[in-house]
């Protein structure tokens, strides 16, 4: 399912350009336009899922496929010393695009602090 008003759905569909780093049947991944680390990739399911609250038995395969892709992308990006995966859910969680996505961040030693 696609949301025609969704920024990430438009990126997945090729209507908005991106710096793609990975794509398969379930997942699309691209470089963040405002990177917070040397490697900052957004990993999104091709199915429009608004946020983590909307994950259910019918669409959870997309989440599993995202994490399978994250491992592949991390290896391809040389993140052998580690990385962080972040998901923001809802307004108070800092979610700015209402399409489930995971931030893969690395390439530098990250602080143990989250905030």
Protein backbone atom coordinates (compact mmCIF):
# COMPACT_ATOMS: atom_id res chain seq x y z
CA UNK A 1 0.00 0.00 0.00
CA UNK A 2 1.24 3.47 -0.84
CA UNK A 3 0.32 6.88 0.56
CA UNK A 4 0.43 9.42 -2.28
CA UNK A 5 1.07 12.24 0.22
CA UNK A 6 4.03 10.52 1.88
CA UNK A 7 7.54 11.85 1.23
CA UNK A 8 9.15 8.43 1.63
CA UNK A 9 6.58 6.74 -0.63
CA UNK A 10 7.49 9.31 -3.27
CA UNK A 11 11.21 8.62 -2.78
CA UNK A 12 10.62 4.87 -3.05
CA UNK A 13 8.59 5.46 -6.22
CA UNK A 14 11.39 7.54 -7.77
CA UNK A 15 9.35 10.75 -7.86
CA UNK A 16 11.82 12.45 -5.51
CA UNK A 17 15.54 11.84 -6.02
CA UNK A 18 17.63 10.20 -3.30
CA UNK A 19 21.07 8.73 -2.80
CA UNK A 20 20.05 5.09 -2.81
CA UNK A 21 22.36 2.65 -1.08
CA UNK A 22 20.16 -0.48 -1.06
CA UNK A 23 16.95 -1.83 -2.54
CA UNK A 24 15.16 -5.15 -2.61
CA UNK A 25 11.56 -6.33 -2.85
CA UNK A 26 10.71 -5.14 0.68
CA UNK A 27 13.17 -2.38 1.56
CA UNK A 28 14.55 0.89 0.20
CA UNK A 29 17.53 2.61 1.86
CA UNK A 30 19.06 5.98 1.11
CA UNK A 31 21.45 8.52 2.63
CA UNK A 32 19.94 11.05 5.03
CA UNK A 33 20.05 14.60 3.63
CA UNK A 34 21.04 15.91 7.08
CA UNK A 35 23.54 13.30 8.31
CA UNK A 36 24.32 13.11 12.01
CA UNK A 37 27.40 10.90 11.50
CA UNK A 38 29.74 9.92 8.65
CA UNK A 39 27.28 7.12 7.79
CA UNK A 40 23.60 8.00 8.17
CA UNK A 41 21.24 5.88 6.10
CA UNK A 42 17.45 5.76 6.28
CA UNK A 43 16.07 2.26 5.91
CA UNK A 44 12.37 2.18 5.01
CA UNK A 45 9.89 -0.56 4.22
CA UNK A 46 8.37 -0.31 0.74
CA UNK A 47 4.98 -0.88 2.35
CA UNK A 48 3.57 2.33 3.84
CA UNK A 49 3.46 1.73 7.60
CA UNK A 50 2.90 5.03 9.45
CA UNK A 51 4.99 4.23 12.55
CA UNK A 52 6.01 1.46 14.95
CA UNK A 53 2.54 1.59 16.53
CA UNK A 54 1.10 0.35 13.23
CA UNK A 55 3.24 -2.79 12.98
CA UNK A 56 1.09 -5.92 13.13
CA UNK A 57 1.09 -9.56 12.04
CA UNK A 58 0.11 -8.59 8.49
CA UNK A 59 3.06 -6.22 7.91
CA UNK A 60 5.76 -7.28 10.38
CA UNK A 61 7.65 -9.10 7.62
CA UNK A 62 8.67 -5.64 6.38
CA UNK A 63 10.27 -4.84 9.74
CA UNK A 64 12.19 -8.13 9.69
CA UNK A 65 13.36 -7.40 6.14
CA UNK A 66 14.48 -3.91 7.21
CA UNK A 67 16.72 -5.43 9.87
CA UNK A 68 18.10 -7.99 7.44
CA UNK A 69 18.92 -5.09 5.12
CA UNK A 70 20.48 -3.06 7.95
CA UNK A 71 23.02 -5.82 8.57
CA UNK A 72 23.91 -5.93 4.85
CA UNK A 73 24.17 -2.14 4.58
CA UNK A 74 26.30 -1.87 7.73
CA UNK A 75 28.73 -4.41 6.32
CA UNK A 76 28.84 -2.67 2.92
CA UNK A 77 29.47 0.69 4.65
CA UNK A 78 32.35 -0.75 6.67
CA UNK A 79 30.67 -0.40 10.06
CA UNK A 80 32.53 -3.39 11.49
CA UNK A 81 33.21 -1.61 14.82
CA UNK A 82 29.50 -1.02 15.43
CA UNK A 83 26.59 1.26 14.67
CA UNK A 84 23.27 2.45 16.05
CA UNK A 85 19.75 1.85 14.74
CA UNK A 86 17.15 4.45 15.74
CA UNK A 87 13.39 4.55 15.23
CA UNK A 88 11.31 7.58 16.17
CA UNK A 89 7.60 7.02 16.73
CA UNK A 90 5.05 9.82 16.95
CA UNK A 91 5.31 13.52 17.70
CA UNK A 92 6.95 13.17 21.12
CA UNK A 93 9.32 10.53 19.75
CA UNK A 94 10.61 13.00 17.17
CA UNK A 95 9.12 11.33 14.09
CA UNK A 96 9.13 13.88 11.26
CA UNK A 97 7.94 11.68 8.37
CA UNK A 98 4.93 9.47 9.02
CA UNK A 99 6.41 6.39 7.35
CA UNK A 100 8.17 3.81 9.50
CA UNK A 101 11.92 4.20 9.08
CA UNK A 102 15.13 3.28 10.79
CA UNK A 103 18.20 5.49 11.02
CA UNK A 104 21.41 3.51 10.58
CA UNK A 105 24.12 5.70 12.09
CA UNK A 106 27.83 4.99 12.38
CA UNK A 107 31.31 5.55 11.10
CA UNK A 108 32.39 7.24 14.34
CA UNK A 109 32.44 6.23 18.01
CA UNK A 110 28.99 7.16 19.30
CA UNK A 111 28.25 8.26 22.84
CA UNK A 112 26.46 5.81 25.10
CA UNK A 113 23.98 8.58 25.88
CA UNK A 114 20.82 8.59 23.81
CA UNK A 115 19.80 12.17 24.54
